[in-house]
Amino acid sequence: DSSYTKYQYKKYYEASLDLIKPQKLSEKIQYLKLLRYPYDEKVVLAADKYTLHEYLGEKGLLEYAVPFYKVYDNAEQINFNQLPEQFVIKKTNASGMNLIVKDKDKVDTKEVKSIVKGWMKKDFGSQTAEYHYSAATPRIICEPFLNLGDEFRLFMVGGNLAFIQVIKWDWTLDEDGKKNVENDLIKGHKKHYRLHFDSKGNLLWSDDGVSDLTFTPPIYWSDLKEIAKKISNDFPVVRIDFNDVDGQPKITELTFTPASGFLEILRNKPELDMELGKWLSKEI
């Protein structure tokens, strides 16, 4: 995994990856991904979408957790008669494995179970070398269908706010920008636009064509920063993902190695990569 990660890093960042004496943030994330986080019980607990509730409870932050209806060990346990008309199904120890059911009476429940069975056969962590996911017990969690607003992702490094990633969703398009034809069953991610701001709200980098979008802090912004600070005290690097739900913040997940450590903002802003790397101690 180290050899292949070095190959990927060279190809993506056009630089060699030093895991012995990492200096840049991008290098230190790879170090944490391969050598620290898979063996950190608290990371394994908090990265899982089900046991995240336990972690938030221990931190006194359970009110910010997304509620859930049921948790299943396998697809056969899913009883659609016990679920409401609308709900969301996710694999707990993976990313991107989710289904939004907008009308269960209009979807093929056999198809849903078939998709879930496919998820359970895959070890997402081994596919991306994010083995803290592999260390968790694979489950299926069923959550309410929520009216999601903007997403605010606070990227914390060494206990401090490095930058803010604001996600603007377009639910009419799929991830490739094609017109969404899935009305009652939405699979995976949808089209979204990313804007990155520093702690003072200055734009650092954004996806092409969306730099004109602005960041308006929600009224609870100071609360988000306090929550993020509290959580970041436990981890060298963590991204806290908040979604606005009817004007209230909810933590959808904690992400420890976003994009498996291959971040476009760090590739496009190497000076930021080097500067943020200094925020972490040499020992990490």
Protein backbone atom coordinates (compact mmCIF):
# COMPACT_ATOMS: atom_id res chain seq x y z
CA ASP A 1 0.00 0.00 0.00
CA SER A 2 2.83 2.42 0.75
CA SER A 3 4.41 1.78 -2.63
CA TYR A 4 1.15 2.22 -4.51
CA THR A 5 0.26 5.32 -2.49
CA LYS A 6 3.65 6.81 -3.37
CA TYR A 7 2.90 6.11 -7.03
CA GLN A 8 -0.53 7.77 -6.74
CA TYR A 9 0.92 10.72 -4.85
CA LYS A 10 3.61 11.27 -7.50
CA LYS A 11 1.01 11.15 -10.25
CA TYR A 12 -1.45 13.47 -8.47
CA TYR A 13 0.82 16.04 -6.80
CA GLU A 14 3.77 15.71 -9.22
CA ALA A 15 6.08 15.33 -6.23
CA SER A 16 7.60 12.48 -4.27
CA LEU A 17 5.88 11.34 -1.07
CA ASP A 18 8.11 11.28 2.01
CA LEU A 19 6.62 9.07 4.73
CA ILE A 20 9.79 9.11 6.85
CA LYS A 21 9.95 12.88 7.36
CA PRO A 22 6.68 14.26 5.97
CA GLN A 23 6.59 18.05 5.74
CA LYS A 24 3.53 19.02 3.70
CA LEU A 25 -0.02 18.51 4.90
CA SER A 26 -0.71 16.22 1.94
CA GLU A 27 2.21 14.03 3.04
CA LYS A 28 1.13 13.99 6.67
CA ILE A 29 -2.42 12.96 5.73
CA GLN A 30 -0.97 9.99 3.84
CA TYR A 31 1.20 9.16 6.86
CA LEU A 32 -1.85 9.25 9.14
CA LYS A 33 -3.92 7.26 6.65
CA LEU A 34 -1.41 4.43 6.34
CA LEU A 35 0.34 4.34 9.69
CA ARG A 36 -1.81 5.90 12.41
CA TYR A 37 -5.54 6.10 11.81
CA PRO A 38 -6.18 2.39 11.11
CA TYR A 39 -4.95 1.63 14.64
CA ASP A 40 -6.65 4.54 16.42
CA GLU A 41 -9.78 3.21 18.13
CA LYS A 42 -11.28 6.68 18.43
CA VAL A 43 -10.84 7.31 14.70
CA VAL A 44 -12.45 3.97 13.86
CA LEU A 45 -15.36 4.79 16.20
CA ALA A 46 -15.94 8.32 14.87
CA ALA A 47 -15.49 7.54 11.16
CA ASP A 48 -18.32 5.01 11.18
CA LYS A 49 -21.75 6.55 10.54
CA TYR A 50 -23.39 4.40 13.23
CA THR A 51 -20.80 4.45 16.03
CA LEU A 52 -20.33 8.19 15.37
CA HIS A 53 -23.40 8.58 17.59
CA GLU A 54 -21.48 6.95 20.44
CA TYR A 55 -18.53 9.27 19.92
CA LEU A 56 -20.71 12.40 19.80
CA GLY A 57 -22.51 11.21 22.92
CA GLU A 58 -19.20 10.92 24.75
CA LYS A 59 -18.36 14.49 23.68
CA GLY A 60 -21.75 15.84 24.81
CA LEU A 61 -22.69 16.61 21.21
CA LEU A 62 -25.37 14.00 20.53
CA GLU A 63 -27.95 16.70 19.72
CA TYR A 64 -25.98 17.41 16.53
CA ALA A 65 -26.11 13.81 15.30
CA VAL A 66 -28.37 12.86 12.41
CA PRO A 67 -31.15 10.63 13.82
CA PHE A 68 -31.71 7.15 12.43
CA TYR A 69 -34.56 4.65 12.21
CA LYS A 70 -32.82 1.30 12.01
CA VAL A 71 -29.42 -0.34 11.75
CA TYR A 72 -29.01 -3.64 9.92
CA ASP A 73 -26.25 -6.23 9.68
CA ASN A 74 -27.24 -7.28 6.17
CA ALA A 75 -29.68 -6.49 3.37
CA GLU A 76 -32.07 -9.29 4.24
CA GLN A 77 -32.88 -7.63 7.57
CA ILE A 78 -34.34 -4.55 5.87
CA ASN A 79 -38.10 -4.52 6.43
CA PHE A 80 -39.59 -1.86 4.18
CA ASN A 81 -42.96 -2.14 5.95
CA GLN A 82 -41.32 -0.70 9.07
CA LEU A 83 -39.89 2.32 7.24
CA PRO A 84 -41.60 5.59 6.30
CA GLU A 85 -42.34 6.66 2.75
CA GLN A 86 -39.03 8.53 2.45
CA PHE A 87 -35.67 7.54 3.93
CA VAL A 88 -31.94 7.27 3.24
CA ILE A 89 -29.89 4.07 3.33
CA LYS A 90 -26.10 4.16 3.82
CA LYS A 91 -23.28 1.75 4.43
CA THR A 92 -21.78 2.80 7.74
CA ASN A 93 -18.07 2.24 7.05
CA ALA A 94 -17.79 3.64 3.54
CA SER A 95 -18.17 6.80 1.49
CA GLY A 96 -20.55 7.30 -1.41
CA MET A 97 -22.51 4.13 -0.72
CA ASN A 98 -25.92 5.66 -0.13
CA LEU A 99 -29.44 5.58 -1.53
CA ILE A 100 -32.14 8.21 -1.18
CA VAL A 101 -35.60 6.67 -1.34
CA LYS A 102 -38.11 9.45 -2.04
CA ASP A 103 -41.15 7.17 -2.46
CA LYS A 104 -40.77 3.57 -1.34
CA ASP A 105 -44.04 2.55 -3.05
CA LYS A 106 -42.52 3.47 -6.42
CA VAL A 107 -39.12 1.79 -6.07
CA ASP A 108 -38.15 -1.82 -6.64
CA THR A 109 -37.30 -3.09 -3.16
CA LYS A 110 -35.48 -6.06 -4.70
CA GLU A 111 -33.23 -3.61 -6.55
CA VAL A 112 -32.54 -1.73 -3.31
CA LYS A 113 -31.58 -4.94 -1.51
CA SER A 114 -29.43 -6.00 -4.46
CA ILE A 115 -27.51 -2.72 -4.32
CA VAL A 116 -27.02 -3.06 -0.56
CA LYS A 117 -25.80 -6.65 -0.97
CA GLY A 118 -23.22 -5.34 -3.44
CA TRP A 119 -22.05 -2.79 -0.87
CA MET A 120 -21.61 -5.45 1.78
CA LYS A 121 -19.36 -7.50 -0.49
CA LYS A 122 -16.95 -4.59 -0.90
CA ASP A 123 -14.29 -3.49 1.56
CA PHE A 124 -14.23 0.24 0.85
CA GLY A 125 -11.21 0.76 3.08
CA SER A 126 -9.03 -1.67 1.16
CA GLN A 127 -10.09 -0.09 -2.15
CA THR A 128 -8.82 3.33 -1.05
CA ALA A 129 -6.15 2.33 1.52
CA GLU A 130 -8.29 4.03 4.20
CA TYR A 131 -8.10 1.09 6.57
CA HIS A 132 -9.79 2.85 9.46
CA TYR A 133 -12.98 2.05 7.54
CA SER A 134 -11.97 -1.61 7.25
CA ALA A 135 -11.45 -1.79 11.00
CA ALA A 136 -15.14 -0.96 11.64
CA THR A 137 -18.01 -3.44 11.54
CA PRO A 138 -19.90 -3.13 8.23
CA ARG A 139 -23.57 -2.26 8.77
CA ILE A 140 -26.45 -0.55 7.00
CA ILE A 141 -28.03 2.51 8.62
CA CYS A 142 -31.40 3.94 7.69
CA GLU A 143 -31.86 7.67 8.31
CA PRO A 144 -34.72 10.12 7.74
CA PHE A 145 -34.98 11.92 4.42
CA LEU A 146 -34.02 15.45 5.42
CA ASN A 147 -34.45 18.80 3.75
CA LEU A 148 -30.74 19.50 3.35
CA GLY A 149 -29.40 22.98 2.79
CA ASP A 150 -25.78 23.99 2.21
CA GLU A 151 -23.03 21.85 3.61
CA PHE A 152 -20.22 23.34 5.68
CA ARG A 153 -17.07 21.26 6.05
CA LEU A 154 -14.60 22.55 8.61
CA PHE A 155 -11.13 21.20 7.91
CA MET A 156 -9.21 21.07 11.19
CA VAL A 157 -5.43 20.65 11.38
CA GLY A 158 -3.61 20.44 14.70
CA GLY A 159 -6.72 21.61 16.53
CA ASN A 160 -7.12 24.76 14.42
CA LEU A 161 -9.39 25.72 11.53
CA ALA A 162 -7.33 25.38 8.34
CA PHE A 163 -10.08 26.18 5.85
CA ILE A 164 -13.80 25.87 5.23
CA GLN A 165 -15.24 23.90 2.35
CA VAL A 166 -18.74 25.02 1.38
CA ILE A 167 -20.76 22.59 -0.72
CA LYS A 168 -23.56 23.82 -2.97
CA TRP A 169 -25.75 20.92 -4.13
CA ASP A 170 -27.63 20.63 -7.41
CA TRP A 171 -30.11 17.82 -6.90
CA THR A 172 -31.33 18.02 -10.51
CA LEU A 173 -28.02 16.64 -11.89
CA ASP A 174 -26.01 13.51 -11.29
CA GLU A 175 -22.35 13.66 -10.26
CA ASP A 176 -21.19 13.91 -13.88
CA GLY A 177 -23.46 16.90 -14.52
CA LYS A 178 -26.06 14.97 -16.49
CA LYS A 179 -29.77 15.53 -15.99
CA ASN A 180 -31.07 13.49 -13.09
CA VAL A 181 -33.67 10.96 -14.21
CA GLU A 182 -33.88 9.16 -10.88
CA ASN A 183 -36.90 10.69 -9.23
CA ASP A 184 -37.82 8.17 -6.57
CA LEU A 185 -34.47 6.44 -6.00
CA ILE A 186 -31.30 8.56 -5.98
CA LYS A 187 -28.04 6.62 -6.03
CA GLY A 188 -24.73 7.93 -4.73
CA HIS A 189 -23.63 11.54 -4.89
CA LYS A 190 -25.27 14.34 -6.86
CA LYS A 191 -23.70 17.29 -8.65
CA HIS A 192 -22.09 19.72 -6.24
CA TYR A 193 -19.83 22.76 -6.31
CA ARG A 194 -17.00 23.33 -3.85
CA LEU A 195 -15.74 26.62 -2.54
CA HIS A 196 -12.87 26.90 -0.06
CA PHE A 197 -12.49 29.83 2.31
CA ASP A 198 -9.97 30.67 4.99
CA SER A 199 -11.01 31.25 8.59
CA LYS A 200 -11.75 34.91 7.79
CA GLY A 201 -14.06 34.10 4.88
CA ASN A 202 -11.63 34.91 2.06
CA LEU A 203 -11.95 32.67 -1.00
CA LEU A 204 -8.93 30.36 -1.33
CA TRP A 205 -9.95 28.14 -4.23
CA SER A 206 -13.11 26.89 -5.90
CA ASP A 207 -14.28 24.59 -8.66
CA ASP A 208 -14.18 26.12 -12.12
CA GLY A 209 -17.09 28.43 -12.87
CA VAL A 210 -18.35 28.90 -9.33
CA SER A 211 -15.99 31.53 -7.92
CA ASP A 212 -18.86 34.02 -8.07
CA LEU A 213 -20.71 32.10 -5.36
CA THR A 214 -20.25 33.60 -1.92
CA PHE A 215 -20.04 32.27 1.61
CA THR A 216 -22.62 33.61 3.99
CA PRO A 217 -22.00 32.24 7.50
CA PRO A 218 -25.18 30.82 9.08
CA ILE A 219 -26.45 32.33 12.31
CA TYR A 220 -25.03 29.38 14.23
CA TRP A 221 -21.53 29.80 12.75
CA SER A 222 -19.84 30.45 16.11
CA ASP A 223 -21.40 27.21 17.42
CA LEU A 224 -19.95 25.23 14.51
CA LYS A 225 -16.47 26.56 15.20
CA GLU A 226 -16.74 25.66 18.89
CA ILE A 227 -17.96 22.15 18.08
CA ALA A 228 -15.21 21.66 15.51
CA LYS A 229 -12.59 22.84 17.98
CA LYS A 230 -13.86 20.41 20.61
CA ILE A 231 -13.74 17.48 18.22
CA SER A 232 -10.39 18.42 16.69
CA ASN A 233 -8.69 18.16 20.06
CA ASP A 234 -8.93 14.38 19.63
CA PHE A 235 -7.36 14.12 16.16
CA PRO A 236 -4.39 15.60 14.24
CA VAL A 237 -6.48 16.01 11.08
CA VAL A 238 -10.27 15.77 10.81
CA ARG A 239 -12.95 17.34 8.66
CA ILE A 240 -16.26 17.93 10.43
CA ASP A 241 -19.13 17.84 7.93
CA PHE A 242 -22.16 19.91 8.92
CA ASN A 243 -25.41 20.06 6.96
CA ASP A 244 -28.05 22.70 7.44
CA VAL A 245 -31.32 20.91 8.19
CA ASP A 246 -34.25 23.30 8.31
CA GLY A 247 -32.03 25.98 9.82
CA GLN A 248 -30.31 23.67 12.32
CA PRO A 249 -26.80 22.18 12.02
CA LYS A 250 -26.32 18.42 11.97
CA ILE A 251 -23.04 16.50 11.78
CA THR A 252 -23.42 14.09 8.88
CA GLU A 253 -19.99 12.53 9.32
CA LEU A 254 -16.40 13.01 10.40
CA THR A 255 -13.93 12.56 7.57
CA PHE A 256 -10.32 11.83 8.46
CA THR A 257 -8.70 11.37 5.06
CA PRO A 258 -10.88 13.33 2.59
CA ALA A 259 -10.56 12.04 -0.98
CA SER A 260 -8.10 9.52 0.47
CA GLY A 261 -5.72 12.44 0.98
CA PHE A 262 -5.72 13.62 -2.64
CA LEU A 263 -7.11 17.12 -2.24
CA GLU A 264 -7.47 19.48 -5.19
CA ILE A 265 -7.03 22.57 -3.03
CA LEU A 266 -3.61 21.31 -1.87
CA ARG A 267 -2.60 20.35 -5.39
CA ASN A 268 -3.62 23.78 -6.70
CA LYS A 269 -2.12 25.72 -3.79
CA PRO A 270 1.22 24.09 -2.91
CA GLU A 271 2.16 27.00 -0.66
CA LEU A 272 -0.91 26.28 1.47
CA ASP A 273 0.03 22.60 1.53
CA MET A 274 3.44 23.47 2.96
CA GLU A 275 2.13 26.05 5.43
CA LEU A 276 -0.58 23.77 6.87
CA GLY A 277 1.96 20.99 7.19
CA LYS A 278 3.74 23.15 9.77
CA TRP A 279 0.62 23.16 11.90
CA LEU A 280 1.22 19.54 12.85
CA SER A 281 4.03 18.45 15.11
CA LYS A 282 6.86 16.39 13.65
CA GLU A 283 5.67 13.39 15.63
CA ILE A 284 2.02 13.54 14.49
